[in-house]
C-alpha cells in the first residue's frame, strides 16, 4: 500500500455505496468479526448509510472482550502471590473480572505491568531473576505467534522464572458456534483481514460450503469495508457460498507459514470459554505437553478460583450480535469507558466503546440483530 488516502477516497466510497444499494434486492444481514472493522464502520457512518439495505451485525471480534471473567480472575489471583509479577497488554488492564481488574489489583499492591510485546515480558524475567514473571497471553491468531516465540525465547535463554497464562482464542470456531444457533440470521461474513494475514483463509472454504454463507476477507478502511460488503452482497444475491479475498495487499490463502509453524510447535487447539458465548469446542489454544512447564495456571493455581458473574451487563448479547450496544439498559449510564461493566466498553476494539464514541446519540432499536 503506497498511500492511505486511496482507501478513503470519498468518490470511490460513493460509487461503492450506490453499487450496494443497486445490487441488494432486500435487506441483507452481514456480520463483521473484527473489532477494528466495527470501529471503521461506525466512525465513517457506513452502517447508517446502508441501514435500509444491509444490517451490519457486530460479532465477537474483540479478543480482549471475549476473554472470560475466570481468566481475568486467575490473572489477578496469580498477581497477588508473593514474588510474582504479571505482565500483559495495556487494553487488558481495565477489563473487569468478577470483582476487580488488573489495574485495581495493581492499586492494591500487586506487581502488574503493561508491556507492548510478549518479548518484553521475557526481558522482565531476565531483569528480575528473583521474581516469577507471568505473561497474560490474550488475543486471536494475530498475537499467538508472538507469545509462542516468547515461550521459545524463554526456553532458549534458560529462564525458569517465566510462564504464560494462556487465554488465546480462535476465530473460526466462534463463527461456527454462531451459525449453529437455530435462530441465527447471518447471511454472510466479513472475515478479519489481520487474522487472515497470519492464518490464511483456506479453511473458510469448508466453512462457507458447510453453512452456505459467503465469507469475504477485507480490511479496515472505508474502501476496504465497502468493497467487502459489495462482494458479500453479490454472493448472497447469487446464492453462491464461497470465499473471496478483497484484502490482497495483506492476506493470502495460506497466510504466514513461518508464523503458523511457530504456533503449531508451541500450541495446540483446545476447547475454550469465551465471555458471553460459553465453552466453544476448539475455540482456543493451550501449550503442548513439551512446553507445559511454562504454563502459569499449572504452576500457581492449586485450587479453583471463585467466580461471581455480574448480572447487569449484557455484553454477552452484544458479542453474539443479538443486540446493539445502545439496546443495553446500562449503556452510557451505569456503563461508560470510565466506569465499564463489561469488556466491550473497555477495549479499543469493543463494540460498546465504538458506539459510545461514534453513535451514542442514536435511538435504541427494538429489533434483535442476529435473528
Protein backbone atom coordinates (compact mmCIF):
# COMPACT_ATOMS: atom_id res chain seq x y z
CA UNK A 1 0.00 0.00 0.00
CA UNK A 2 1.59 3.25 -1.15
CA UNK A 3 -0.94 5.73 0.18
CA UNK A 4 -3.72 5.60 2.77
CA UNK A 5 -5.80 8.27 1.02
CA UNK A 6 -6.72 5.95 -1.84
CA UNK A 7 -8.60 3.75 0.63
CA UNK A 8 -10.53 6.74 1.98
CA UNK A 9 -11.42 8.39 -1.32
CA UNK A 10 -14.97 9.85 -0.97
CA UNK A 11 -15.75 9.44 -4.67
CA UNK A 12 -14.85 5.75 -4.63
CA UNK A 13 -16.87 5.28 -1.44
CA UNK A 14 -19.92 6.90 -3.02
CA UNK A 15 -19.69 4.65 -6.05
CA UNK A 16 -19.47 1.58 -3.83
CA UNK A 17 -22.45 2.69 -1.72
CA UNK A 18 -24.57 3.22 -4.84
CA UNK A 19 -23.49 -0.19 -6.15
CA UNK A 20 -24.50 -1.90 -2.90
CA UNK A 21 -27.92 -0.21 -2.93
CA UNK A 22 -28.39 -1.19 -6.57
CA UNK A 23 -27.37 -4.84 -6.10
CA UNK A 24 -29.42 -5.66 -3.00
CA UNK A 25 -32.97 -6.95 -3.54
CA UNK A 26 -33.93 -6.99 0.14
CA UNK A 27 -32.28 -6.02 3.42
CA UNK A 28 -29.41 -8.43 3.97
CA UNK A 29 -27.64 -9.38 7.21
CA UNK A 30 -23.83 -9.43 7.32
CA UNK A 31 -21.60 -9.94 10.36
CA UNK A 32 -18.12 -8.49 10.67
CA UNK A 33 -15.91 -10.46 13.04
CA UNK A 34 -13.30 -7.85 13.79
CA UNK A 35 -13.47 -5.00 16.28
CA UNK A 36 -11.29 -2.86 14.03
CA UNK A 37 -13.87 -3.26 11.28
CA UNK A 38 -16.66 -2.34 13.71
CA UNK A 39 -14.91 0.91 14.59
CA UNK A 40 -14.30 1.62 10.90
CA UNK A 41 -17.95 1.06 10.01
CA UNK A 42 -19.19 3.36 12.78
CA UNK A 43 -16.55 6.07 12.60
CA UNK A 44 -17.23 6.59 8.89
CA UNK A 45 -21.00 6.23 9.24
CA UNK A 46 -21.15 3.29 6.83
CA UNK A 47 -23.67 1.40 8.94
CA UNK A 48 -26.08 4.35 8.84
CA UNK A 49 -25.61 4.97 5.12
CA UNK A 50 -26.57 1.35 4.43
CA UNK A 51 -29.08 0.80 7.22
CA UNK A 52 -32.06 0.38 4.87
CA UNK A 53 -30.19 -2.12 2.71
CA UNK A 54 -27.74 -4.00 4.94
CA UNK A 55 -27.97 -4.94 8.63
CA UNK A 56 -24.40 -4.94 9.87
CA UNK A 57 -24.02 -7.14 12.95
CA UNK A 58 -21.01 -6.69 15.20
CA UNK A 59 -19.74 -10.13 16.13
CA UNK A 60 -17.28 -11.30 18.79
CA UNK A 61 -14.35 -9.67 17.02
CA UNK A 62 -12.51 -8.24 20.02
CA UNK A 63 -10.17 -10.74 21.75
CA UNK A 64 -9.99 -8.63 24.90
CA UNK A 65 -13.79 -8.56 25.05
CA UNK A 66 -14.21 -12.32 24.77
CA UNK A 67 -11.56 -13.15 27.38
CA UNK A 68 -13.65 -14.87 30.07
CA UNK A 69 -14.07 -13.50 33.55
CA UNK A 70 -12.44 -16.58 35.04
CA UNK A 71 -9.21 -15.93 33.08
CA UNK A 72 -9.02 -12.38 34.41
CA UNK A 73 -9.73 -13.60 37.94
CA UNK A 74 -6.93 -16.18 37.54
CA UNK A 75 -4.50 -13.48 36.43
CA UNK A 76 -5.47 -11.33 39.42
CA UNK A 77 -5.12 -14.28 41.81
CA UNK A 78 -1.66 -15.06 40.45
CA UNK A 79 -0.61 -11.39 40.72
CA UNK A 80 -1.42 -11.42 44.42
CA UNK A 81 1.08 -14.18 45.18
CA UNK A 82 4.37 -13.11 46.81
CA UNK A 83 7.27 -12.73 44.43
CA UNK A 84 5.11 -12.76 41.28
CA UNK A 85 4.92 -10.13 38.54
CA UNK A 86 2.09 -10.25 35.97
CA UNK A 87 2.56 -8.54 32.61
CA UNK A 88 0.04 -8.01 29.82
CA UNK A 89 -1.08 -5.62 27.10
CA UNK A 90 -2.46 -2.24 28.13
CA UNK A 91 -6.01 -2.89 26.94
CA UNK A 92 -6.31 -5.79 29.42
CA UNK A 93 -5.59 -3.66 32.46
CA UNK A 94 -9.08 -2.20 32.98
CA UNK A 95 -11.16 -5.16 31.82
CA UNK A 96 -13.34 -6.17 34.77
CA UNK A 97 -13.20 -9.63 36.25
CA UNK A 98 -15.86 -10.74 38.69
CA UNK A 99 -14.80 -8.27 41.39
CA UNK A 100 -11.72 -6.39 40.21
CA UNK A 101 -9.40 -5.68 37.28
CA UNK A 102 -5.64 -6.00 36.87
CA UNK A 103 -5.37 -2.24 37.28
CA UNK A 104 -7.36 -2.49 40.52
CA UNK A 105 -5.09 -5.29 41.69
CA UNK A 106 -2.07 -3.09 41.00
CA UNK A 107 -3.58 -0.24 43.01
CA UNK A 108 -3.93 -2.74 45.86
CA UNK A 109 -0.22 -3.54 45.75
CA UNK A 110 0.12 -6.32 43.17
CA UNK A 111 3.05 -6.11 40.75
CA UNK A 112 1.18 -5.74 37.46
CA UNK A 113 2.95 -4.25 34.45
CA UNK A 114 1.94 -3.17 30.98
CA UNK A 115 4.09 -4.38 28.09
CA UNK A 116 3.95 -3.79 24.35
CA UNK A 117 5.16 -7.25 23.36
CA UNK A 118 5.37 -10.73 24.91
CA UNK A 119 9.13 -10.48 24.43
CA UNK A 120 9.09 -7.51 26.84
CA UNK A 121 7.86 -9.94 29.49
CA UNK A 122 10.76 -12.28 28.68
CA UNK A 123 13.11 -9.32 29.18
CA UNK A 124 11.49 -8.61 32.56
CA UNK A 125 12.17 -12.21 33.58
CA UNK A 126 15.84 -11.68 32.74
CA UNK A 127 15.96 -8.38 34.61
CA UNK A 128 14.26 -9.77 37.73
CA UNK A 129 15.65 -13.31 38.19
CA UNK A 130 14.32 -13.49 41.75
CA UNK A 131 10.72 -12.89 40.68
CA UNK A 132 8.31 -15.11 38.76
CA UNK A 133 7.13 -13.26 35.64
CA UNK A 134 3.79 -14.32 34.19
CA UNK A 135 2.64 -13.05 30.81
CA UNK A 136 -1.16 -12.96 30.45
CA UNK A 137 -1.43 -14.12 26.85
CA UNK A 138 -4.65 -13.00 25.13
CA UNK A 139 -5.65 -12.41 21.54
CA UNK A 140 -6.73 -14.04 18.30
CA UNK A 141 -4.37 -15.80 15.91
CA UNK A 142 -2.68 -12.45 15.24
CA UNK A 143 -0.92 -12.36 18.63
CA UNK A 144 -0.48 -16.11 19.13
CA UNK A 145 2.79 -16.33 17.11
CA UNK A 146 4.40 -13.63 19.27
CA UNK A 147 3.56 -15.41 22.53
CA UNK A 148 4.72 -18.74 21.09
CA UNK A 149 8.00 -17.06 20.14
CA UNK A 150 8.29 -15.63 23.67
CA UNK A 151 7.98 -19.15 25.12
CA UNK A 152 10.65 -20.39 22.73
CA UNK A 153 12.95 -17.50 23.66
CA UNK A 154 12.45 -18.10 27.38
CA UNK A 155 13.44 -21.73 26.86
CA UNK A 156 16.45 -20.75 24.76
CA UNK A 157 17.63 -18.37 27.48
CA UNK A 158 17.07 -20.92 30.22
CA UNK A 159 14.55 -18.78 32.13
CA UNK A 160 12.82 -20.82 34.80
CA UNK A 161 11.04 -17.75 36.20
CA UNK A 162 8.92 -17.11 33.09
CA UNK A 163 5.48 -18.56 32.32
CA UNK A 164 2.33 -17.72 30.38
CA UNK A 165 -1.31 -17.68 31.39
CA UNK A 166 -2.83 -18.70 28.05
CA UNK A 167 -6.20 -17.24 27.03
CA UNK A 168 -5.75 -17.21 23.24
CA UNK A 169 -8.88 -17.78 21.17
CA UNK A 170 -9.53 -18.93 17.59
CA UNK A 171 -11.90 -17.03 15.31
CA UNK A 172 -13.38 -19.67 13.02
CA UNK A 173 -14.78 -21.93 15.79
CA UNK A 174 -16.64 -18.88 17.14
CA UNK A 175 -18.13 -18.25 13.69
CA UNK A 176 -19.22 -21.89 13.59
CA UNK A 177 -20.77 -21.52 17.04
CA UNK A 178 -22.80 -18.54 15.84
CA UNK A 179 -24.01 -20.34 12.72
CA UNK A 180 -25.10 -23.39 14.74
CA UNK A 181 -27.73 -21.38 16.64
CA UNK A 182 -31.10 -22.22 15.13
CA UNK A 183 -32.25 -18.59 15.19
CA UNK A 184 -29.11 -17.22 13.50
CA UNK A 185 -29.95 -14.85 10.65
CA UNK A 186 -26.43 -14.12 9.42
CA UNK A 187 -26.28 -14.39 5.62
CA UNK A 188 -22.60 -13.59 5.12
CA UNK A 189 -19.37 -12.74 6.93
CA UNK A 190 -16.66 -10.11 6.61
CA UNK A 191 -13.60 -12.04 7.76
CA UNK A 192 -10.92 -10.29 9.81
CA UNK A 193 -8.15 -9.20 7.48
CA UNK A 194 -5.37 -9.26 10.06
CA UNK A 195 -6.27 -12.77 11.25
CA UNK A 196 -6.23 -14.00 7.65
CA UNK A 197 -2.87 -12.27 7.11
CA UNK A 198 -1.41 -14.64 9.71
CA UNK A 199 -3.70 -17.65 9.40
CA UNK A 200 -4.72 -17.56 5.76
CA UNK A 201 -8.27 -18.32 4.68
CA UNK A 202 -8.13 -21.78 3.15
CA UNK A 203 -10.18 -23.29 5.99
CA UNK A 204 -13.04 -20.88 5.24
CA UNK A 205 -13.83 -22.78 2.04
CA UNK A 206 -15.17 -25.70 4.09
CA UNK A 207 -16.95 -23.28 6.43
CA UNK A 208 -18.70 -21.49 3.53
CA UNK A 209 -19.78 -24.77 1.98
CA UNK A 210 -20.97 -26.27 5.29
CA UNK A 211 -23.07 -23.30 6.40
CA UNK A 212 -23.99 -21.99 2.94
CA UNK A 213 -22.76 -18.46 3.60
CA UNK A 214 -20.14 -16.40 1.78
CA UNK A 215 -17.01 -15.24 3.55
CA UNK A 216 -15.24 -12.13 2.28
CA UNK A 217 -11.80 -11.25 3.61
CA UNK A 218 -11.48 -7.49 3.94
CA UNK A 219 -9.54 -4.71 5.64
CA UNK A 220 -10.44 -1.74 7.79
CA UNK A 221 -10.52 1.43 5.69
CA UNK A 222 -13.80 2.71 4.16
CA UNK A 223 -13.00 1.46 0.65
CA UNK A 224 -11.94 -1.91 2.09
CA UNK A 225 -15.15 -2.28 4.06
CA UNK A 226 -17.48 -1.13 1.28
CA UNK A 227 -15.71 -3.35 -1.25
CA UNK A 228 -16.11 -6.31 1.09
CA UNK A 229 -19.79 -5.55 1.72
CA UNK A 230 -20.48 -5.19 -2.01
CA UNK A 231 -18.79 -8.51 -2.80
CA UNK A 232 -20.64 -10.21 0.05
CA UNK A 233 -23.98 -8.82 -1.18
CA UNK A 234 -23.30 -10.07 -4.69
CA UNK A 235 -22.53 -13.55 -3.39
CA UNK A 236 -25.63 -13.59 -1.19
CA UNK A 237 -27.87 -12.41 -4.03
CA UNK A 238 -26.38 -15.02 -6.36
CA UNK A 239 -26.74 -17.78 -3.75
CA UNK A 240 -23.03 -18.51 -4.03
CA UNK A 241 -21.46 -19.51 -0.69
CA UNK A 242 -17.79 -19.11 -1.42
CA UNK A 243 -14.70 -17.31 -0.12
CA UNK A 244 -13.37 -14.13 -1.75
CA UNK A 245 -10.25 -12.20 -0.75
CA UNK A 246 -10.74 -8.42 -1.00
CA UNK A 247 -7.64 -7.71 1.08
CA UNK A 248 -4.97 -8.94 -1.31
CA UNK A 249 -2.42 -6.32 -0.29
CA UNK A 250 -2.08 -8.11 3.05
CA UNK A 251 -3.78 -11.52 3.12
CA UNK A 252 -3.16 -14.62 1.04
CA UNK A 253 -4.73 -18.07 1.05
CA UNK A 254 -2.02 -19.83 3.08
CA UNK A 255 -1.18 -16.93 5.38
CA UNK A 256 2.19 -16.59 7.08
CA UNK A 257 3.56 -20.14 7.08
CA UNK A 258 6.55 -19.29 9.28
CA UNK A 259 4.25 -17.89 11.98
CA UNK A 260 1.98 -20.93 11.63
CA UNK A 261 4.91 -23.30 12.20
CA UNK A 262 5.91 -21.48 15.40
CA UNK A 263 2.34 -21.62 16.73
CA UNK A 264 1.97 -25.29 15.82
CA UNK A 265 5.20 -26.18 17.62
CA UNK A 266 4.20 -24.49 20.90
CA UNK A 267 0.39 -24.62 20.95
CA UNK A 268 -2.43 -26.99 20.16
CA UNK A 269 -6.17 -26.25 19.75
CA UNK A 270 -8.40 -26.84 22.77
CA UNK A 271 -11.91 -26.10 23.98
CA UNK A 272 -12.00 -22.57 25.36
CA UNK A 273 -14.52 -20.46 27.26
CA UNK A 274 -15.50 -17.19 25.58
CA UNK A 275 -17.07 -14.36 27.55
CA UNK A 276 -20.76 -14.28 26.70
CA UNK A 277 -20.61 -17.37 24.49
CA UNK A 278 -19.65 -20.20 26.84
CA UNK A 279 -17.22 -23.00 26.02
CA UNK A 280 -16.52 -23.28 22.28
CA UNK A 281 -15.09 -26.60 21.02
CA UNK A 282 -11.66 -25.91 19.55
CA UNK A 283 -12.15 -22.25 20.43
CA UNK A 284 -8.70 -21.63 21.85
CA UNK A 285 -5.11 -22.71 22.26
CA UNK A 286 -3.15 -24.36 25.06
CA UNK A 287 0.52 -25.22 25.44
CA UNK A 288 1.60 -28.58 24.08
CA UNK A 289 2.93 -31.14 26.56
CA UNK A 290 6.54 -30.38 25.64
CA UNK A 291 6.02 -26.75 26.72
CA UNK A 292 3.59 -27.31 29.59
CA UNK A 293 6.25 -26.39 32.19
CA UNK A 294 5.71 -22.78 31.02
CA UNK A 295 2.01 -22.94 31.93
CA UNK A 296 1.29 -20.40 34.70
CA UNK A 297 -2.04 -21.94 35.65
CA UNK A 298 -0.41 -25.29 36.36
CA UNK A 299 2.46 -23.60 38.16
CA UNK A 300 0.49 -21.35 40.50
CA UNK A 301 -3.16 -22.39 40.77
CA UNK A 302 -3.77 -25.33 43.07
CA UNK A 303 -7.49 -24.81 43.76
CA UNK A 304 -10.44 -23.34 41.80
CA UNK A 305 -10.83 -19.56 41.85
CA UNK A 306 -14.28 -18.44 42.99
CA UNK A 307 -16.17 -16.65 40.19
CA UNK A 308 -19.04 -14.22 40.72
CA UNK A 309 -20.68 -13.43 37.37
CA UNK A 310 -22.13 -9.90 37.05
CA UNK A 311 -25.79 -9.85 36.02
CA UNK A 312 -26.38 -6.26 34.91
CA UNK A 313 -24.02 -6.25 31.93
CA UNK A 314 -25.45 -7.55 28.64
CA UNK A 315 -22.11 -7.66 26.85
CA UNK A 316 -22.59 -11.34 26.05
CA UNK A 317 -25.62 -10.48 23.90
CA UNK A 318 -23.62 -7.72 22.23
CA UNK A 319 -20.77 -10.10 21.43
CA UNK A 320 -23.22 -12.62 19.95
CA UNK A 321 -24.76 -9.91 17.78
CA UNK A 322 -28.15 -10.32 19.45
CA UNK A 323 -28.45 -6.68 20.50
CA UNK A 324 -26.79 -3.40 19.63
CA UNK A 325 -24.87 -1.73 22.48
CA UNK A 326 -27.48 1.06 22.62
CA UNK A 327 -30.14 -1.55 23.44
CA UNK A 328 -28.44 -2.35 26.76
CA UNK A 329 -30.06 -0.50 29.65
CA UNK A 330 -26.64 0.17 31.22
CA UNK A 331 -25.08 1.69 28.09
CA UNK A 332 -23.93 5.27 28.63
CA UNK A 333 -25.37 5.35 32.15
CA UNK A 334 -24.01 2.78 34.61
CA UNK A 335 -21.58 1.61 31.91
CA UNK A 336 -19.16 4.13 30.38
CA UNK A 337 -15.46 3.97 29.41
CA UNK A 338 -14.66 5.50 32.82
CA UNK A 339 -16.86 3.01 34.72
CA UNK A 340 -17.15 -0.05 32.46
CA UNK A 341 -19.31 -3.01 33.42
CA UNK A 342 -18.07 -5.18 30.59
CA UNK A 343 -15.07 -5.65 28.36
CA UNK A 344 -16.67 -4.26 25.14
CA UNK A 345 -16.76 -0.83 26.80
CA UNK A 346 -13.09 -1.03 27.82
CA UNK A 347 -11.25 -2.32 24.79
CA UNK A 348 -10.24 -0.06 21.93
CA UNK A 349 -11.84 -2.65 19.62
CA UNK A 350 -15.01 -3.20 21.67
CA UNK A 351 -18.41 -2.60 20.07
CA UNK A 352 -19.73 -0.73 23.13
CA UNK A 353 -16.72 1.58 23.09
CA UNK A 354 -17.28 2.20 19.37
CA UNK A 355 -20.94 3.11 19.90
CA UNK A 356 -20.08 5.30 22.89
CA UNK A 357 -17.56 7.21 20.80
CA UNK A 358 -19.35 7.41 17.46
CA UNK A 359 -23.03 6.62 17.91
CA UNK A 360 -24.01 7.39 21.49
CA UNK A 361 -26.91 9.64 20.45
CA UNK A 362 -28.65 7.03 18.33
CA UNK A 363 -32.09 5.94 19.47
CA UNK A 364 -32.02 2.29 20.59
CA UNK A 365 -33.77 -0.03 18.13
CA UNK A 366 -36.14 -2.73 19.27
CA UNK A 367 -35.07 -5.27 16.65
CA UNK A 368 -32.69 -8.02 17.66
CA UNK A 369 -29.84 -8.12 15.26
CA UNK A 370 -28.82 -11.75 14.83
CA UNK A 371 -32.27 -13.22 14.46
